[in-house]
Amino acid sequence: MKRFCGLAIGLITFTVMVGWTGFLYAAPLDDVIAAAKKEGTLEFHAPSTLTIQGAEAIGAAVNKKYGVNIKMNYNPSSSMTSDVGKVVGMAATGIAPQWDLMVVTDAHHATLWFKKLHQAYNYRALGVDPKMIQYDGGAVSFAHQFVLPAYNKKLVPAKDIPQSWEDLLDPKWKGKLGMATTTHHLARLAAGPWGEEKTTNFVKALARQDLMLGRMGEIFSRMLLGEVLVAVTLTDDELKTDRNKTAPVAHAEKVEPVVAPAYLAGVPKGAKHPNAAHLFAVFLTTAEGQKIWEQYGKLSSAFVPGTTAYKYAQGKKLVFLAQEQAATVERLAKEYGKILGFGGI
């Protein structure tokens, strides 16, 4: 009798603990596939840079690989900040999210994590590398951007190409630097290798360089016009887009550390088709998924051997965002925005 009571108490304790954490323990892959088949549909939110063709290629590959016939509806993002805000607002009024799987940056997924709006999952049980699992199982990292200063190759001579982040503070660049709204790139240096004091002093010094401010696409266009000679930060996928890949703009490759934001795939709490969403998220971490995303989205994962990002990362000092740094990055990104002069942009 005592043994039975002890077993019962243990089971109750386990159940309560699972309830407290809100963690959903994954069934074997076959069970997830079976459940996804029953759902039959996926509302897929992803960057517009993926393109309709890229989304269709992913949908076809998932159906073929797992033997399912899921109808995937692609919802391209116009503003990740607005889209995440929409999910937060709908949750506050008790309305289910309109998307089953969201691909946004690690910084945007942090907002969902802070609000406890991820449907956590044991992705490790489905073969996902633990390094790729973030936000307490709420999302998986599958593609990295690489962020460095960039320059106009036609206007900046080789001897003037920045060799370090600090080189941007040289008086010769005053009035010739462009800074995008992505201040979280600099905040990652503060949360990581540089620390807050050094980075904040760097940002204050940048503000005295008479920066030209704008969104990343605007800064890129002004570089082509020769108005901006050097962009403080620029993502590599901006350089790789079809419209920009032949432009005379390049990264200052000797600058380190390299900031490496990530795209994460996560399922918002209350999603109508969670199993299909988990299946798609897992696929994006596979070799097949990486190949398709790189072809259309121009990015791959630094954690998956053999990818372009993995090869690029070897021997470099990279700054990844750990979930425990997310609150610091969010706070400092806002602070740095004020220091640099971003207001209504």
Protein backbone atom coordinates (compact mmCIF):
# COMPACT_ATOMS: atom_id res chain seq x y z
CA MET A 1 0.00 0.00 0.00
CA LYS A 2 2.81 2.41 0.93
CA ARG A 3 4.55 1.56 -2.33
CA PHE A 4 1.39 2.31 -4.29
CA CYS A 5 0.90 5.62 -2.48
CA GLY A 6 4.49 6.58 -3.15
CA LEU A 7 4.10 5.80 -6.87
CA ALA A 8 0.87 7.77 -7.01
CA ILE A 9 2.44 10.78 -5.31
CA GLY A 10 5.37 10.60 -7.71
CA LEU A 11 3.06 10.58 -10.71
CA ILE A 12 1.07 13.51 -9.34
CA THR A 13 4.28 15.45 -8.65
CA PHE A 14 5.52 14.80 -12.19
CA THR A 15 2.20 15.92 -13.66
CA VAL A 16 2.19 19.12 -11.63
CA MET A 17 5.78 19.88 -12.59
CA VAL A 18 4.94 19.47 -16.26
CA GLY A 19 1.98 21.75 -15.79
CA TRP A 20 4.09 24.39 -14.08
CA THR A 21 6.70 24.49 -16.78
CA GLY A 22 4.17 24.39 -19.62
CA PHE A 23 6.61 22.16 -21.48
CA LEU A 24 5.11 19.78 -24.01
CA TYR A 25 7.09 16.58 -24.26
CA ALA A 26 7.40 15.48 -27.86
CA ALA A 27 6.12 12.19 -29.09
CA PRO A 28 8.32 10.15 -31.41
CA LEU A 29 8.60 11.58 -34.91
CA ASP A 30 6.10 9.08 -36.33
CA ASP A 31 3.46 10.30 -33.88
CA VAL A 32 4.15 13.94 -34.76
CA ILE A 33 3.83 13.09 -38.45
CA ALA A 34 0.53 11.30 -37.82
CA ALA A 35 -0.83 14.26 -35.87
CA ALA A 36 0.35 16.68 -38.56
CA LYS A 37 -1.44 14.63 -41.19
CA LYS A 38 -4.69 15.04 -39.29
CA GLU A 39 -4.22 18.79 -39.05
CA GLY A 40 -3.51 19.00 -42.79
CA THR A 41 -2.82 22.75 -42.86
CA LEU A 42 -0.12 25.21 -41.81
CA GLU A 43 -0.19 29.00 -41.62
CA PHE A 44 3.47 29.85 -42.19
CA HIS A 45 4.75 33.32 -41.28
CA ALA A 46 8.22 34.02 -42.69
CA PRO A 47 10.34 36.87 -44.12
CA SER A 48 9.28 38.21 -47.50
CA THR A 49 12.84 37.55 -48.69
CA LEU A 50 12.01 33.83 -48.72
CA THR A 51 9.66 34.50 -51.66
CA ILE A 52 6.59 32.51 -52.69
CA GLN A 53 8.78 30.14 -54.68
CA GLY A 54 10.93 29.42 -51.63
CA ALA A 55 7.92 28.79 -49.42
CA GLU A 56 6.41 26.45 -52.01
CA ALA A 57 9.72 24.56 -52.25
CA ILE A 58 9.76 24.07 -48.47
CA GLY A 59 6.16 22.89 -48.43
CA ALA A 60 6.78 20.38 -51.22
CA ALA A 61 9.94 19.08 -49.55
CA VAL A 62 8.23 18.58 -46.18
CA ASN A 63 5.38 16.66 -47.80
CA LYS A 64 7.82 14.44 -49.68
CA LYS A 65 10.22 13.82 -46.78
CA TYR A 66 7.59 12.94 -44.19
CA GLY A 67 4.91 11.43 -46.42
CA VAL A 68 2.29 14.05 -45.57
CA ASN A 69 0.03 16.28 -47.63
CA ILE A 70 -0.01 19.51 -45.65
CA LYS A 71 -1.40 22.60 -47.32
CA MET A 72 1.00 25.37 -46.40
CA ASN A 73 -0.17 28.98 -46.64
CA TYR A 74 2.74 31.42 -46.81
CA ASN A 75 2.28 34.72 -44.99
CA PRO A 76 5.22 37.02 -45.85
CA SER A 77 6.23 39.49 -43.16
CA SER A 78 6.21 43.22 -43.86
CA SER A 79 7.37 44.13 -40.35
CA MET A 80 8.50 41.54 -37.82
CA THR A 81 8.07 44.00 -34.97
CA SER A 82 4.47 44.72 -35.96
CA ASP A 83 3.69 41.06 -36.55
CA VAL A 84 5.02 39.97 -33.16
CA GLY A 85 3.11 42.87 -31.58
CA LYS A 86 -0.03 41.58 -33.25
CA VAL A 87 0.43 38.14 -31.69
CA VAL A 88 0.98 39.72 -28.27
CA GLY A 89 -2.11 41.89 -28.65
CA MET A 90 -4.32 39.01 -29.79
CA ALA A 91 -3.15 36.85 -26.88
CA ALA A 92 -4.03 39.62 -24.43
CA THR A 93 -7.63 39.52 -25.65
CA GLY A 94 -7.81 35.72 -25.71
CA ILE A 95 -7.70 35.39 -29.49
CA ALA A 96 -5.68 32.55 -31.04
CA PRO A 97 -2.71 33.56 -33.22
CA GLN A 98 -3.33 33.69 -36.95
CA TRP A 99 -0.03 31.91 -37.68
CA ASP A 100 1.05 28.40 -36.69
CA LEU A 101 4.78 28.81 -37.28
CA MET A 102 6.64 32.11 -37.08
CA VAL A 103 10.09 32.70 -38.54
CA VAL A 104 11.45 35.93 -37.08
CA THR A 105 14.79 36.96 -35.62
CA ASP A 106 16.05 35.83 -32.24
CA ALA A 107 15.43 39.36 -30.93
CA HIS A 108 11.78 39.24 -32.01
CA HIS A 109 11.27 35.77 -30.57
CA ALA A 110 12.61 37.16 -27.29
CA THR A 111 9.46 39.29 -27.08
CA LEU A 112 7.28 36.19 -27.33
CA TRP A 113 9.44 34.46 -24.73
CA PHE A 114 9.16 37.37 -22.30
CA LYS A 115 5.36 37.19 -22.67
CA LYS A 116 5.32 33.37 -22.31
CA LEU A 117 3.73 33.06 -25.75
CA HIS A 118 5.73 30.15 -27.13
CA GLN A 119 4.32 26.66 -27.34
CA ALA A 120 7.39 24.92 -25.94
CA TYR A 121 8.44 21.58 -27.36
CA ASN A 122 11.09 18.93 -26.85
CA TYR A 123 12.78 19.40 -30.23
CA ARG A 124 15.80 17.50 -29.01
CA ALA A 125 13.69 14.32 -28.99
CA LEU A 126 13.13 14.83 -32.71
CA GLY A 127 16.84 15.04 -33.44
CA VAL A 128 17.44 18.80 -33.31
CA ASP A 129 20.93 19.77 -32.11
CA PRO A 130 20.63 21.28 -28.58
CA LYS A 131 22.70 24.28 -29.76
CA MET A 132 19.83 25.17 -32.10
CA ILE A 133 17.12 25.12 -29.41
CA GLN A 134 16.35 28.45 -27.75
CA TYR A 135 13.93 30.11 -25.38
CA ASP A 136 13.25 27.07 -23.22
CA GLY A 137 12.23 24.94 -26.18
CA GLY A 138 10.04 27.62 -27.71
CA ALA A 139 11.98 28.03 -30.94
CA VAL A 140 14.78 26.56 -33.03
CA SER A 141 17.62 28.51 -34.63
CA PHE A 142 18.16 27.50 -38.26
CA ALA A 143 19.74 30.42 -40.15
CA HIS A 144 22.37 33.02 -39.26
CA GLN A 145 23.04 36.48 -40.54
CA PHE A 146 26.54 37.89 -40.33
CA VAL A 147 26.78 41.57 -39.46
CA LEU A 148 29.79 43.81 -40.07
CA PRO A 149 30.51 47.35 -41.22
CA ALA A 150 30.19 47.65 -45.00
CA TYR A 151 31.68 50.07 -47.51
CA ASN A 152 31.29 51.30 -51.08
CA LYS A 153 34.11 49.61 -52.98
CA LYS A 154 34.22 52.32 -55.64
CA LEU A 155 34.64 55.17 -53.19
CA VAL A 156 36.64 53.75 -50.28
CA PRO A 157 40.29 52.95 -51.13
CA ALA A 158 41.81 49.74 -49.79
CA LYS A 159 43.96 51.61 -47.26
CA ASP A 160 40.83 53.14 -45.67
CA ILE A 161 38.74 49.98 -45.29
CA PRO A 162 37.91 49.64 -41.57
CA GLN A 163 39.99 47.00 -39.82
CA SER A 164 38.11 47.17 -36.50
CA TRP A 165 34.85 48.52 -35.10
CA GLU A 166 36.83 51.31 -33.45
CA ASP A 167 38.07 52.47 -36.87
CA LEU A 168 34.56 53.86 -37.46
CA LEU A 169 35.36 56.56 -34.90
CA ASP A 170 38.14 58.03 -37.04
CA PRO A 171 37.39 61.74 -37.74
CA LYS A 172 37.73 61.10 -41.50
CA TRP A 173 34.36 59.29 -41.44
CA LYS A 174 32.45 62.17 -39.85
CA GLY A 175 29.32 62.84 -41.89
CA LYS A 176 30.00 59.83 -44.12
CA LEU A 177 28.70 56.98 -41.98
CA GLY A 178 25.24 55.43 -42.25
CA MET A 179 23.48 53.75 -39.34
CA ALA A 180 20.42 51.54 -39.73
CA THR A 181 17.63 51.21 -37.19
CA THR A 182 19.02 47.80 -36.21
CA THR A 183 20.60 49.09 -33.00
CA HIS A 184 20.24 45.61 -31.51
CA HIS A 185 23.33 44.66 -33.53
CA LEU A 186 25.41 46.94 -31.30
CA ALA A 187 23.53 45.87 -28.18
CA ARG A 188 24.69 42.30 -28.80
CA LEU A 189 28.30 43.45 -28.43
CA ALA A 190 27.35 44.89 -25.04
CA ALA A 191 25.62 41.73 -23.84
CA GLY A 192 28.52 39.65 -25.15
CA PRO A 193 32.25 40.22 -25.58
CA TRP A 194 32.53 43.99 -25.08
CA GLY A 195 30.38 44.52 -22.03
CA GLU A 196 27.97 47.38 -21.47
CA GLU A 197 30.41 50.15 -20.51
CA LYS A 198 32.69 49.77 -23.53
CA THR A 199 29.83 49.43 -25.99
CA THR A 200 27.87 52.36 -24.61
CA ASN A 201 30.96 54.58 -24.86
CA PHE A 202 31.42 53.38 -28.44
CA VAL A 203 27.81 54.23 -29.30
CA LYS A 204 28.13 57.70 -27.75
CA ALA A 205 31.26 58.29 -29.82
CA LEU A 206 29.44 57.12 -32.96
CA ALA A 207 26.68 59.62 -32.26
CA ARG A 208 29.27 62.40 -32.55
CA GLN A 209 30.14 61.26 -36.09
CA ASP A 210 27.10 63.01 -37.65
CA LEU A 211 25.54 59.73 -38.75
CA MET A 212 23.05 59.45 -41.58
CA LEU A 213 20.15 57.45 -40.17
CA GLY A 214 17.58 55.24 -41.86
CA ARG A 215 16.29 51.74 -42.37
CA MET A 216 18.75 49.21 -43.72
CA GLY A 217 17.46 49.34 -47.29
CA GLU A 218 17.68 53.12 -47.24
CA ILE A 219 21.25 53.07 -45.97
CA PHE A 220 22.18 50.60 -48.70
CA SER A 221 20.63 52.84 -51.37
CA ARG A 222 22.53 55.86 -50.05
CA MET A 223 25.74 53.86 -50.25
CA LEU A 224 25.08 53.22 -53.92
CA LEU A 225 24.50 56.94 -54.43
CA GLY A 226 27.76 57.75 -52.69
CA GLU A 227 26.07 59.72 -49.90
CA VAL A 228 27.15 57.07 -47.36
CA LEU A 229 30.65 55.66 -47.67
CA VAL A 230 30.48 53.19 -44.79
CA ALA A 231 27.51 51.56 -43.07
CA VAL A 232 28.08 50.90 -39.37
CA THR A 233 26.30 47.54 -39.64
CA LEU A 234 24.95 45.61 -42.60
CA THR A 235 23.66 42.03 -42.80
CA ASP A 236 25.14 39.63 -45.31
CA ASP A 237 21.73 38.67 -46.71
CA GLU A 238 21.22 42.32 -47.71
CA LEU A 239 24.37 41.95 -49.82
CA LYS A 240 23.17 38.67 -51.34
CA THR A 241 19.70 39.68 -52.53
CA ASP A 242 19.20 39.49 -56.29
CA ARG A 243 18.86 43.27 -56.51
CA ASN A 244 22.06 43.93 -54.55
CA LYS A 245 24.46 41.08 -55.31
CA THR A 246 26.20 42.97 -58.13
CA ALA A 247 26.35 46.27 -56.21
CA PRO A 248 29.79 47.72 -55.33
CA VAL A 249 29.25 47.15 -51.59
CA ALA A 250 31.24 44.75 -49.41
CA HIS A 251 31.75 43.82 -45.79
CA ALA A 252 34.86 44.98 -43.99
CA GLU A 253 35.92 41.38 -43.50
CA LYS A 254 38.84 42.00 -41.14
CA VAL A 255 36.60 43.47 -38.45
CA GLU A 256 35.92 41.21 -35.46
CA PRO A 257 33.93 40.08 -33.60
CA VAL A 258 31.26 39.29 -36.19
CA VAL A 259 27.72 39.78 -34.90
CA ALA A 260 25.59 36.75 -35.80
CA PRO A 261 21.82 37.25 -35.36
CA ALA A 262 19.68 34.22 -36.10
CA TYR A 263 16.33 33.44 -37.65
CA LEU A 264 14.31 31.19 -35.37
CA ALA A 265 11.21 29.13 -36.10
CA GLY A 266 8.75 28.93 -33.23
CA VAL A 267 5.13 28.01 -32.59
CA PRO A 268 3.06 30.69 -30.83
CA LYS A 269 0.92 29.50 -27.94
CA GLY A 270 -2.58 28.57 -29.04
CA ALA A 271 -1.61 27.81 -32.65
CA LYS A 272 -4.33 25.84 -34.44
CA HIS A 273 -1.96 23.41 -36.17
CA PRO A 274 0.95 22.90 -33.75
CA ASN A 275 2.07 19.48 -34.93
CA ALA A 276 2.41 20.57 -38.54
CA ALA A 277 4.29 23.61 -37.26
CA HIS A 278 6.72 21.54 -35.18
CA LEU A 279 7.32 19.28 -38.18
CA PHE A 280 8.17 22.25 -40.41
CA ALA A 281 10.43 23.72 -37.73
CA VAL A 282 12.38 20.48 -37.49
CA PHE A 283 12.67 20.29 -41.28
CA LEU A 284 14.32 23.71 -41.44
CA THR A 285 17.22 22.36 -39.35
CA THR A 286 17.85 19.43 -41.72
CA ALA A 287 20.30 19.39 -44.63
CA GLU A 288 17.39 19.51 -47.09
CA GLY A 289 15.82 22.45 -45.31
CA GLN A 290 19.12 24.31 -45.17
CA LYS A 291 19.65 23.91 -48.90
CA ILE A 292 16.26 25.34 -49.76
CA TRP A 293 16.49 28.25 -47.32
CA GLU A 294 19.92 29.20 -48.60
CA GLN A 295 18.76 29.06 -52.21
CA TYR A 296 15.81 31.37 -51.63
CA GLY A 297 16.41 33.10 -48.28
CA LYS A 298 20.19 33.49 -48.87
CA LEU A 299 21.05 32.22 -45.36
CA SER A 300 22.04 29.00 -43.61
CA SER A 301 23.02 27.88 -40.12
CA ALA A 302 26.48 28.19 -38.61
CA PHE A 303 25.57 25.13 -36.53
CA VAL A 304 24.97 22.73 -39.44
CA PRO A 305 28.21 21.24 -40.84
CA GLY A 306 28.67 21.69 -44.56
CA THR A 307 26.55 24.83 -44.96
CA THR A 308 27.96 28.08 -46.29
CA ALA A 309 27.42 29.73 -42.90
CA TYR A 310 29.21 26.89 -41.10
CA LYS A 311 32.22 27.20 -43.39
CA TYR A 312 32.30 30.99 -43.02
CA ALA A 313 32.17 30.74 -39.22
CA GLN A 314 35.26 28.56 -38.88
CA GLY A 315 38.08 30.45 -37.18
CA LYS A 316 36.03 33.62 -36.67
CA LYS A 317 34.99 35.29 -33.43
CA LEU A 318 31.20 35.28 -33.59
CA VAL A 319 28.65 36.89 -31.29
CA PHE A 320 25.56 34.71 -30.86
CA LEU A 321 22.59 35.73 -28.72
CA ALA A 322 21.98 33.51 -25.69
CA GLN A 323 18.49 33.61 -24.22
CA GLU A 324 19.78 34.96 -20.91
CA GLN A 325 21.14 37.99 -22.81
CA ALA A 326 17.86 38.80 -24.54
CA ALA A 327 16.54 41.24 -21.92
CA THR A 328 19.82 43.17 -21.92
CA VAL A 329 19.84 43.40 -25.71
CA GLU A 330 16.24 44.62 -25.82
CA ARG A 331 16.92 47.29 -23.19
CA LEU A 332 20.14 48.54 -24.75
CA ALA A 333 18.77 48.52 -28.31
CA LYS A 334 16.20 51.10 -27.18
CA GLU A 335 18.79 53.09 -25.23
CA TYR A 336 21.20 53.11 -28.17
CA GLY A 337 18.43 54.18 -30.50
CA LYS A 338 17.89 57.29 -28.37
CA ILE A 339 21.62 58.03 -28.17
CA LEU A 340 22.02 57.77 -31.95
CA GLY A 341 19.03 59.96 -32.68
CA PHE A 342 16.34 57.57 -33.87
CA GLY A 343 12.93 59.02 -33.24
CA GLY A 344 10.15 58.71 -35.76
CA ILE A 345 12.12 56.47 -38.12
